[in-house]
Amino acid sequence: MVERERSYRGISARAAAGYLERLGGERVEQHVLEGEGWRASLSEDTVTVGPSLELTEVTVRFEGEPGVLDGLIEDFSRKAIRAGG
């Protein structure tokens, strides 16, 4: 069992939970989801970027088997990372 933590800016915890549900997760608590061979805990904060911009930042703490997490984190990141514009 390993742990990996990733942060994503510009999405909400609600959206992140939805992405994890679409990847096979089920909510076991408001900000905790579990899937086959993995568990993810979400936390949300506001971060300041530059002098006048604030963004929502979601931190996801993934736990599970290395082989399972590699694919899950890659698939989740594709959904969570968006180009600005």
PDB file of N, CA and C in Angstrom:
ATOM      1  N   MET A   1       0.852  -1.171   0.000  1.00  0.00           N
ATOM      2  CA  MET A   1       0.000   0.000   0.000  1.00  0.00           C
ATOM      3  C   MET A   1       0.898   1.234   0.000  1.00  0.00           C
ATOM      4  N   VAL A   2       0.637   2.161  -0.904  1.00  0.00           N
ATOM      5  CA  VAL A   2       1.390   3.411  -0.983  1.00  0.00           C
ATOM      6  C   VAL A   2       0.428   4.585  -0.930  1.00  0.00           C
ATOM      7  N   GLU A   3       0.991   5.758  -0.644  1.00  0.00           N
ATOM      8  CA  GLU A   3       0.217   6.995  -0.652  1.00  0.00           C
ATOM      9  C   GLU A   3       0.852   7.953  -1.642  1.00  0.00           C
ATOM     10  N   ARG A   4       0.014   8.651  -2.373  1.00  0.00           N
ATOM     11  CA  ARG A   4       0.472   9.694  -3.291  1.00  0.00           C
ATOM     12  C   ARG A   4      -0.478  10.867  -3.168  1.00  0.00           C
ATOM     13  N   GLU A   5       0.077  12.064  -3.177  1.00  0.00           N
ATOM     14  CA  GLU A   5      -0.734  13.269  -3.035  1.00  0.00           C
ATOM     15  C   GLU A   5      -0.517  14.165  -4.233  1.00  0.00           C
ATOM     16  N   ARG A   6      -1.613  14.667  -4.785  1.00  0.00           N
ATOM     17  CA  ARG A   6      -1.563  15.577  -5.928  1.00  0.00           C
ATOM     18  C   ARG A   6      -2.516  16.730  -5.657  1.00  0.00           C
ATOM     19  N   SER A   7      -2.143  17.923  -6.143  1.00  0.00           N
ATOM     20  CA  SER A   7      -3.005  19.100  -6.023  1.00  0.00           C
ATOM     21  C   SER A   7      -3.403  19.583  -7.404  1.00  0.00           C
ATOM     22  N   TYR A   8      -4.637  20.032  -7.502  1.00  0.00           N
ATOM     23  CA  TYR A   8      -5.201  20.493  -8.778  1.00  0.00           C
ATOM     24  C   TYR A   8      -5.892  21.822  -8.533  1.00  0.00           C
ATOM     25  N   ARG A   9      -5.559  22.799  -9.334  1.00  0.00           N
ATOM     26  CA  ARG A   9      -6.173  24.127  -9.192  1.00  0.00           C
ATOM     27  C   ARG A   9      -7.276  24.318 -10.222  1.00  0.00           C
ATOM     28  N   GLY A  10      -8.287  25.072  -9.809  1.00  0.00           N
ATOM     29  CA  GLY A  10      -9.358  25.430 -10.727  1.00  0.00           C
ATOM     30  C   GLY A  10     -10.499  24.440 -10.771  1.00  0.00           C
ATOM     31  N   ILE A  11     -10.509  23.425  -9.892  1.00  0.00           N
ATOM     32  CA  ILE A  11     -11.657  22.529  -9.797  1.00  0.00           C
ATOM     33  C   ILE A  11     -12.124  22.526  -8.347  1.00  0.00           C
ATOM     34  N   SER A  12     -13.338  22.077  -8.137  1.00  0.00           N
ATOM     35  CA  SER A  12     -13.885  21.992  -6.776  1.00  0.00           C
ATOM     36  C   SER A  12     -13.778  20.558  -6.277  1.00  0.00           C
ATOM     37  N   ALA A  13     -13.916  20.375  -4.978  1.00  0.00           N
ATOM     38  CA  ALA A  13     -13.930  19.029  -4.408  1.00  0.00           C
ATOM     39  C   ALA A  13     -15.123  18.244  -4.948  1.00  0.00           C
ATOM     40  N   ARG A  14     -16.216  18.924  -5.158  1.00  0.00           N
ATOM     41  CA  ARG A  14     -17.412  18.269  -5.718  1.00  0.00           C
ATOM     42  C   ARG A  14     -17.135  17.706  -7.108  1.00  0.00           C
ATOM     43  N   ALA A  15     -16.473  18.515  -7.951  1.00  0.00           N
ATOM     44  CA  ALA A  15     -16.129  18.054  -9.294  1.00  0.00           C
ATOM     45  C   ALA A  15     -15.123  16.901  -9.229  1.00  0.00           C
ATOM     46  N   ALA A  16     -14.132  17.020  -8.351  1.00  0.00           N
ATOM     47  CA  ALA A  16     -13.126  15.966  -8.210  1.00  0.00           C
ATOM     48  C   ALA A  16     -13.777  14.658  -7.777  1.00  0.00           C
ATOM     49  N   ALA A  17     -14.725  14.735  -6.847  1.00  0.00           N
ATOM     50  CA  ALA A  17     -15.434  13.537  -6.395  1.00  0.00           C
ATOM     51  C   ALA A  17     -16.218  12.920  -7.556  1.00  0.00           C
ATOM     52  N   GLY A  18     -16.823  13.762  -8.375  1.00  0.00           N
ATOM     53  CA  GLY A  18     -17.545  13.265  -9.549  1.00  0.00           C
ATOM     54  C   GLY A  18     -16.623  12.543 -10.523  1.00  0.00           C
ATOM     55  N   TYR A  19     -15.438  13.098 -10.749  1.00  0.00           N
ATOM     56  CA  TYR A  19     -14.467  12.432 -11.629  1.00  0.00           C
ATOM     57  C   TYR A  19     -14.089  11.066 -11.066  1.00  0.00           C
ATOM     58  N   LEU A  20     -13.853  11.006  -9.757  1.00  0.00           N
ATOM     59  CA  LEU A  20     -13.477   9.735  -9.126  1.00  0.00           C
ATOM     60  C   LEU A  20     -14.617   8.727  -9.173  1.00  0.00           C
ATOM     61  N   GLU A  21     -15.851   9.204  -9.056  1.00  0.00           N
ATOM     62  CA  GLU A  21     -17.003   8.299  -9.189  1.00  0.00           C
ATOM     63  C   GLU A  21     -17.056   7.714 -10.595  1.00  0.00           C
ATOM     64  N   ARG A  22     -16.788   8.535 -11.606  1.00  0.00           N
ATOM     65  CA  ARG A  22     -16.789   8.046 -12.983  1.00  0.00           C
ATOM     66  C   ARG A  22     -15.633   7.075 -13.252  1.00  0.00           C
ATOM     67  N   LEU A  23     -14.633   7.105 -12.394  1.00  0.00           N
ATOM     68  CA  LEU A  23     -13.502   6.175 -12.518  1.00  0.00           C
ATOM     69  C   LEU A  23     -13.696   4.935 -11.634  1.00  0.00           C
ATOM     70  N   GLY A  24     -14.909   4.740 -11.128  1.00  0.00           N
ATOM     71  CA  GLY A  24     -15.229   3.524 -10.389  1.00  0.00           C
ATOM     72  C   GLY A  24     -15.292   3.676  -8.881  1.00  0.00           C
ATOM     73  N   GLY A  25     -15.171   4.886  -8.377  1.00  0.00           N
ATOM     74  CA  GLY A  25     -15.201   5.093  -6.934  1.00  0.00           C
ATOM     75  C   GLY A  25     -16.604   5.251  -6.392  1.00  0.00           C
ATOM     76  N   GLU A  26     -16.748   4.934  -5.111  1.00  0.00           N
ATOM     77  CA  GLU A  26     -17.999   5.137  -4.400  1.00  0.00           C
ATOM     78  C   GLU A  26     -17.705   5.958  -3.151  1.00  0.00           C
ATOM     79  N   ARG A  27     -18.588   6.890  -2.848  1.00  0.00           N
ATOM     80  CA  ARG A  27     -18.395   7.721  -1.652  1.00  0.00           C
ATOM     81  C   ARG A  27     -18.626   6.884  -0.397  1.00  0.00           C
ATOM     82  N   VAL A  28     -17.658   6.992   0.523  1.00  0.00           N
ATOM     83  CA  VAL A  28     -17.827   6.356   1.828  1.00  0.00           C
ATOM     84  C   VAL A  28     -17.997   7.421   2.903  1.00  0.00           C
ATOM     85  N   GLU A  29     -17.583   8.647   2.588  1.00  0.00           N
ATOM     86  CA  GLU A  29     -17.793   9.839   3.404  1.00  0.00           C
ATOM     87  C   GLU A  29     -17.911  10.993   2.407  1.00  0.00           C
ATOM     88  N   GLN A  30     -18.202  12.191   2.903  1.00  0.00           N
ATOM     89  CA  GLN A  30     -18.404  13.313   1.993  1.00  0.00           C
ATOM     90  C   GLN A  30     -17.213  13.539   1.063  1.00  0.00           C
ATOM     91  N   HIS A  31     -16.007  13.509   1.597  1.00  0.00           N
ATOM     92  CA  HIS A  31     -14.816  13.768   0.788  1.00  0.00           C
ATOM     93  C   HIS A  31     -13.875  12.570   0.735  1.00  0.00           C
ATOM     94  N   VAL A  32     -14.427  11.368   0.851  1.00  0.00           N
ATOM     95  CA  VAL A  32     -13.632  10.144   0.769  1.00  0.00           C
ATOM     96  C   VAL A  32     -14.331   9.175  -0.164  1.00  0.00           C
ATOM     97  N   LEU A  33     -13.576   8.679  -1.134  1.00  0.00           N
ATOM     98  CA  LEU A  33     -14.112   7.713  -2.085  1.00  0.00           C
ATOM     99  C   LEU A  33     -13.218   6.491  -2.112  1.00  0.00           C
ATOM    100  N   GLU A  34     -13.828   5.342  -2.395  1.00  0.00           N
ATOM    101  CA  GLU A  34     -13.076   4.105  -2.505  1.00  0.00           C
ATOM    102  C   GLU A  34     -13.458   3.391  -3.785  1.00  0.00           C
ATOM    103  N   GLY A  35     -12.456   2.788  -4.404  1.00  0.00           N
ATOM    104  CA  GLY A  35     -12.667   1.957  -5.569  1.00  0.00           C
ATOM    105  C   GLY A  35     -11.927   0.656  -5.358  1.00  0.00           C
ATOM    106  N   GLU A  36     -11.916  -0.187  -6.368  1.00  0.00           N
ATOM    107  CA  GLU A  36     -11.243  -1.472  -6.244  1.00  0.00           C
ATOM    108  C   GLU A  36      -9.732  -1.272  -6.158  1.00  0.00           C
ATOM    109  N   GLY A  37      -9.182  -1.467  -4.985  1.00  0.00           N
ATOM    110  CA  GLY A  37      -7.741  -1.353  -4.777  1.00  0.00           C
ATOM    111  C   GLY A  37      -7.246   0.046  -4.476  1.00  0.00           C
ATOM    112  N   TRP A  38      -8.165   1.019  -4.237  1.00  0.00           N
ATOM    113  CA  TRP A  38      -7.722   2.387  -3.948  1.00  0.00           C
ATOM    114  C   TRP A  38      -8.710   3.117  -3.052  1.00  0.00           C
ATOM    115  N   ARG A  39      -8.204   4.180  -2.464  1.00  0.00           N
ATOM    116  CA  ARG A  39      -8.992   5.097  -1.633  1.00  0.00           C
ATOM    117  C   ARG A  39      -8.465   6.503  -1.901  1.00  0.00           C
ATOM    118  N   ALA A  40      -9.352   7.493  -1.968  1.00  0.00           N
ATOM    119  CA  ALA A  40      -8.955   8.882  -2.216  1.00  0.00           C
ATOM    120  C   ALA A  40      -9.657   9.797  -1.221  1.00  0.00           C
ATOM    121  N   SER A  41      -8.876  10.671  -0.596  1.00  0.00           N
ATOM    122  CA  SER A  41      -9.404  11.670   0.334  1.00  0.00           C
ATOM    123  C   SER A  41      -9.191  13.046  -0.277  1.00  0.00           C
ATOM    124  N   LEU A  42     -10.222  13.877  -0.261  1.00  0.00           N
ATOM    125  CA  LEU A  42     -10.179  15.200  -0.880  1.00  0.00           C
ATOM    126  C   LEU A  42     -10.181  16.295   0.178  1.00  0.00           C
ATOM    127  N   SER A  43      -9.396  17.330  -0.080  1.00  0.00           N
ATOM    128  CA  SER A  43      -9.483  18.547   0.727  1.00  0.00           C
ATOM    129  C   SER A  43      -9.457  19.733  -0.227  1.00  0.00           C
ATOM    130  N   GLU A  44     -10.109  20.816   0.164  1.00  0.00           N
ATOM    131  CA  GLU A  44     -10.258  21.982  -0.708  1.00  0.00           C
ATOM    132  C   GLU A  44      -9.795  23.230   0.037  1.00  0.00           C
ATOM    133  N   ASP A  45      -9.096  24.094  -0.685  1.00  0.00           N
ATOM    134  CA  ASP A  45      -8.591  25.333  -0.101  1.00  0.00           C
ATOM    135  C   ASP A  45      -8.584  26.396  -1.192  1.00  0.00           C
ATOM    136  N   THR A  46      -8.415  27.638  -0.784  1.00  0.00           N
ATOM    137  CA  THR A  46      -8.257  28.741  -1.737  1.00  0.00           C
ATOM    138  C   THR A  46      -6.818  29.199  -1.680  1.00  0.00           C
ATOM    139  N   VAL A  47      -6.204  29.342  -2.857  1.00  0.00           N
ATOM    140  CA  VAL A  47      -4.816  29.792  -2.925  1.00  0.00           C
ATOM    141  C   VAL A  47      -4.751  31.095  -3.701  1.00  0.00           C
ATOM    142  N   THR A  48      -3.820  31.953  -3.318  1.00  0.00           N
ATOM    143  CA  THR A  48      -3.626  33.231  -3.995  1.00  0.00           C
ATOM    144  C   THR A  48      -2.572  33.049  -5.078  1.00  0.00           C
ATOM    145  N   VAL A  49      -2.912  33.520  -6.269  1.00  0.00           N
ATOM    146  CA  VAL A  49      -1.995  33.468  -7.403  1.00  0.00           C
ATOM    147  C   VAL A  49      -1.801  34.905  -7.866  1.00  0.00           C
ATOM    148  N   GLY A  50      -0.633  35.441  -7.626  1.00  0.00           N
ATOM    149  CA  GLY A  50      -0.395  36.832  -7.989  1.00  0.00           C
ATOM    150  C   GLY A  50      -1.084  37.772  -7.015  1.00  0.00           C
ATOM    151  N   PRO A  51      -1.066  39.051  -7.334  1.00  0.00           N
ATOM    152  CA  PRO A  51      -1.588  40.040  -6.382  1.00  0.00           C
ATOM    153  C   PRO A  51      -3.113  40.083  -6.277  1.00  0.00           C
ATOM    154  N   SER A  52      -3.831  39.591  -7.281  1.00  0.00           N
ATOM    155  CA  SER A  52      -5.286  39.789  -7.224  1.00  0.00           C
ATOM    156  C   SER A  52      -6.125  38.577  -7.645  1.00  0.00           C
ATOM    157  N   LEU A  53      -5.525  37.421  -7.785  1.00  0.00           N
ATOM    158  CA  LEU A  53      -6.272  36.256  -8.259  1.00  0.00           C
ATOM    159  C   LEU A  53      -6.248  35.152  -7.215  1.00  0.00           C
ATOM    160  N   GLU A  54      -7.417  34.589  -6.931  1.00  0.00           N
ATOM    161  CA  GLU A  54      -7.536  33.447  -6.037  1.00  0.00           C
ATOM    162  C   GLU A  54      -8.167  32.294  -6.797  1.00  0.00           C
ATOM    163  N   LEU A  55      -7.655  31.093  -6.558  1.00  0.00           N
ATOM    164  CA  LEU A  55      -8.178  29.890  -7.195  1.00  0.00           C
ATOM    165  C   LEU A  55      -8.500  28.847  -6.135  1.00  0.00           C
ATOM    166  N   THR A  56      -9.450  28.000  -6.462  1.00  0.00           N
ATOM    167  CA  THR A  56      -9.719  26.838  -5.618  1.00  0.00           C
ATOM    168  C   THR A  56      -8.667  25.788  -5.945  1.00  0.00           C
ATOM    169  N   GLU A  57      -8.122  25.185  -4.905  1.00  0.00           N
ATOM    170  CA  GLU A  57      -7.152  24.106  -5.081  1.00  0.00           C
ATOM    171  C   GLU A  57      -7.647  22.886  -4.315  1.00  0.00           C
ATOM    172  N   VAL A  58      -7.738  21.772  -5.014  1.00  0.00           N
ATOM    173  CA  VAL A  58      -8.155  20.521  -4.405  1.00  0.00           C
ATOM    174  C   VAL A  58      -6.928  19.624  -4.288  1.00  0.00           C
ATOM    175  N   THR A  59      -6.714  19.108  -3.098  1.00  0.00           N
ATOM    176  CA  THR A  59      -5.632  18.155  -2.874  1.00  0.00           C
ATOM    177  C   THR A  59      -6.266  16.782  -2.708  1.00  0.00           C
ATOM    178  N   VAL A  60      -5.733  15.825  -3.459  1.00  0.00           N
ATOM    179  CA  VAL A  60      -6.233  14.455  -3.408  1.00  0.00           C
ATOM    180  C   VAL A  60      -5.127  13.570  -2.848  1.00  0.00           C
ATOM    181  N   ARG A  61      -5.440  12.875  -1.778  1.00  0.00           N
ATOM    182  CA  ARG A  61      -4.502  11.910  -1.203  1.00  0.00           C
ATOM    183  C   ARG A  61      -4.973  10.527  -1.618  1.00  0.00           C
ATOM    184  N   PHE A  62      -4.214   9.931  -2.528  1.00  0.00           N
ATOM    185  CA  PHE A  62      -4.529   8.600  -3.044  1.00  0.00           C
ATOM    186  C   PHE A  62      -3.815   7.552  -2.202  1.00  0.00           C
ATOM    187  N   GLU A  63      -4.481   6.451  -1.923  1.00  0.00           N
ATOM    188  CA  GLU A  63      -3.882   5.316  -1.225  1.00  0.00           C
ATOM    189  C   GLU A  63      -4.262   4.052  -1.983  1.00  0.00           C
ATOM    190  N   GLY A  64      -3.312   3.132  -2.120  1.00  0.00           N
ATOM    191  CA  GLY A  64      -3.616   1.874  -2.780  1.00  0.00           C
ATOM    192  C   GLY A  64      -2.369   1.179  -3.265  1.00  0.00           C
ATOM    193  N   GLU A  65      -2.578   0.178  -4.091  1.00  0.00           N
ATOM    194  CA  GLU A  65      -1.471  -0.569  -4.664  1.00  0.00           C
ATOM    195  C   GLU A  65      -0.844   0.250  -5.791  1.00  0.00           C
ATOM    196  N   PRO A  66       0.497   0.240  -5.899  1.00  0.00           N
ATOM    197  CA  PRO A  66       1.176   1.072  -6.911  1.00  0.00           C
ATOM    198  C   PRO A  66       0.633   0.890  -8.328  1.00  0.00           C
ATOM    199  N   GLY A  67       0.411  -0.341  -8.749  1.00  0.00           N
ATOM    200  CA  GLY A  67      -0.085  -0.584 -10.103  1.00  0.00           C
ATOM    201  C   GLY A  67      -1.468  -0.012 -10.345  1.00  0.00           C
ATOM    202  N   VAL A  68      -2.294  -0.023  -9.323  1.00  0.00           N
ATOM    203  CA  VAL A  68      -3.649   0.526  -9.422  1.00  0.00           C
ATOM    204  C   VAL A  68      -3.586   2.049  -9.455  1.00  0.00           C
ATOM    205  N   LEU A  69      -2.776   2.636  -8.557  1.00  0.00           N
ATOM    206  CA  LEU A  69      -2.713   4.102  -8.457  1.00  0.00           C
ATOM    207  C   LEU A  69      -2.139   4.744  -9.712  1.00  0.00           C
ATOM    208  N   ASP A  70      -1.169   4.108 -10.348  1.00  0.00           N
ATOM    209  CA  ASP A  70      -0.562   4.698 -11.546  1.00  0.00           C
ATOM    210  C   ASP A  70      -1.621   5.045 -12.585  1.00  0.00           C
ATOM    211  N   GLY A  71      -2.458   4.082 -12.921  1.00  0.00           N
ATOM    212  CA  GLY A  71      -3.502   4.316 -13.916  1.00  0.00           C
ATOM    213  C   GLY A  71      -4.583   5.257 -13.421  1.00  0.00           C
ATOM    214  N   LEU A  72      -4.980   5.113 -12.163  1.00  0.00           N
ATOM    215  CA  LEU A  72      -6.025   5.962 -11.600  1.00  0.00           C
ATOM    216  C   LEU A  72      -5.606   7.426 -11.602  1.00  0.00           C
ATOM    217  N   ILE A  73      -4.394   7.709 -11.136  1.00  0.00           N
ATOM    218  CA  ILE A  73      -3.930   9.095 -11.079  1.00  0.00           C
ATOM    219  C   ILE A  73      -3.800   9.671 -12.475  1.00  0.00           C
ATOM    220  N   GLU A  74      -3.321   8.884 -13.410  1.00  0.00           N
ATOM    221  CA  GLU A  74      -3.207   9.363 -14.794  1.00  0.00           C
ATOM    222  C   GLU A  74      -4.580   9.692 -15.370  1.00  0.00           C
ATOM    223  N   ASP A  75      -5.542   8.800 -15.193  1.00  0.00           N
ATOM    224  CA  ASP A  75      -6.898   9.030 -15.709  1.00  0.00           C
ATOM    225  C   ASP A  75      -7.564  10.216 -15.006  1.00  0.00           C
ATOM    226  N   PHE A  76      -7.410  10.302 -13.692  1.00  0.00           N
ATOM    227  CA  PHE A  76      -7.993  11.410 -12.945  1.00  0.00           C
ATOM    228  C   PHE A  76      -7.387  12.746 -13.390  1.00  0.00           C
ATOM    229  N   SER A  77      -6.064  12.770 -13.547  1.00  0.00           N
ATOM    230  CA  SER A  77      -5.384  14.010 -13.947  1.00  0.00           C
ATOM    231  C   SER A  77      -5.860  14.493 -15.307  1.00  0.00           C
ATOM    232  N   ARG A  78      -6.121  13.580 -16.232  1.00  0.00           N
ATOM    233  CA  ARG A  78      -6.641  13.986 -17.545  1.00  0.00           C
ATOM    234  C   ARG A  78      -7.968  14.715 -17.409  1.00  0.00           C
ATOM    235  N   LYS A  79      -8.797  14.289 -16.480  1.00  0.00           N
ATOM    236  CA  LYS A  79     -10.089  14.933 -16.270  1.00  0.00           C
ATOM    237  C   LYS A  79      -9.943  16.260 -15.503  1.00  0.00           C
ATOM    238  N   ALA A  80      -9.000  16.299 -14.552  1.00  0.00           N
ATOM    239  CA  ALA A  80      -8.902  17.423 -13.631  1.00  0.00           C
ATOM    240  C   ALA A  80      -8.071  18.597 -14.155  1.00  0.00           C
ATOM    241  N   ILE A  81      -7.102  18.303 -15.000  1.00  0.00           N
ATOM    242  CA  ILE A  81      -6.233  19.377 -15.500  1.00  0.00           C
ATOM    243  C   ILE A  81      -6.835  19.951 -16.767  1.00  0.00           C
ATOM    244  N   ARG A  82      -7.080  21.246 -16.715  1.00  0.00           N
ATOM    245  CA  ARG A  82      -7.695  21.921 -17.861  1.00  0.00           C
ATOM    246  C   ARG A  82      -6.846  23.098 -18.272  1.00  0.00           C
ATOM    247  N   ALA A  83      -6.840  23.393 -19.545  1.00  0.00           N
ATOM    248  CA  ALA A  83      -6.119  24.571 -20.031  1.00  0.00           C
ATOM    249  C   ALA A  83      -6.912  25.825 -19.692  1.00  0.00           C
ATOM    250  N   GLY A  84      -6.201  26.851 -19.290  1.00  0.00           N
ATOM    251  CA  GLY A  84      -6.865  28.132 -19.011  1.00  0.00           C
ATOM    252  C   GLY A  84      -7.196  28.864 -20.284  1.00  0.00           C
ATOM    253  N   GLY A  85      -7.964  29.942 -20.134  1.00  0.00           N
ATOM    254  CA  GLY A  85      -8.217  30.678 -21.341  1.00  0.00           C
ATOM    255  C   GLY A  85      -9.456  31.427 -21.340  1.00  0.00           C
TER     256      GLY A  85
END
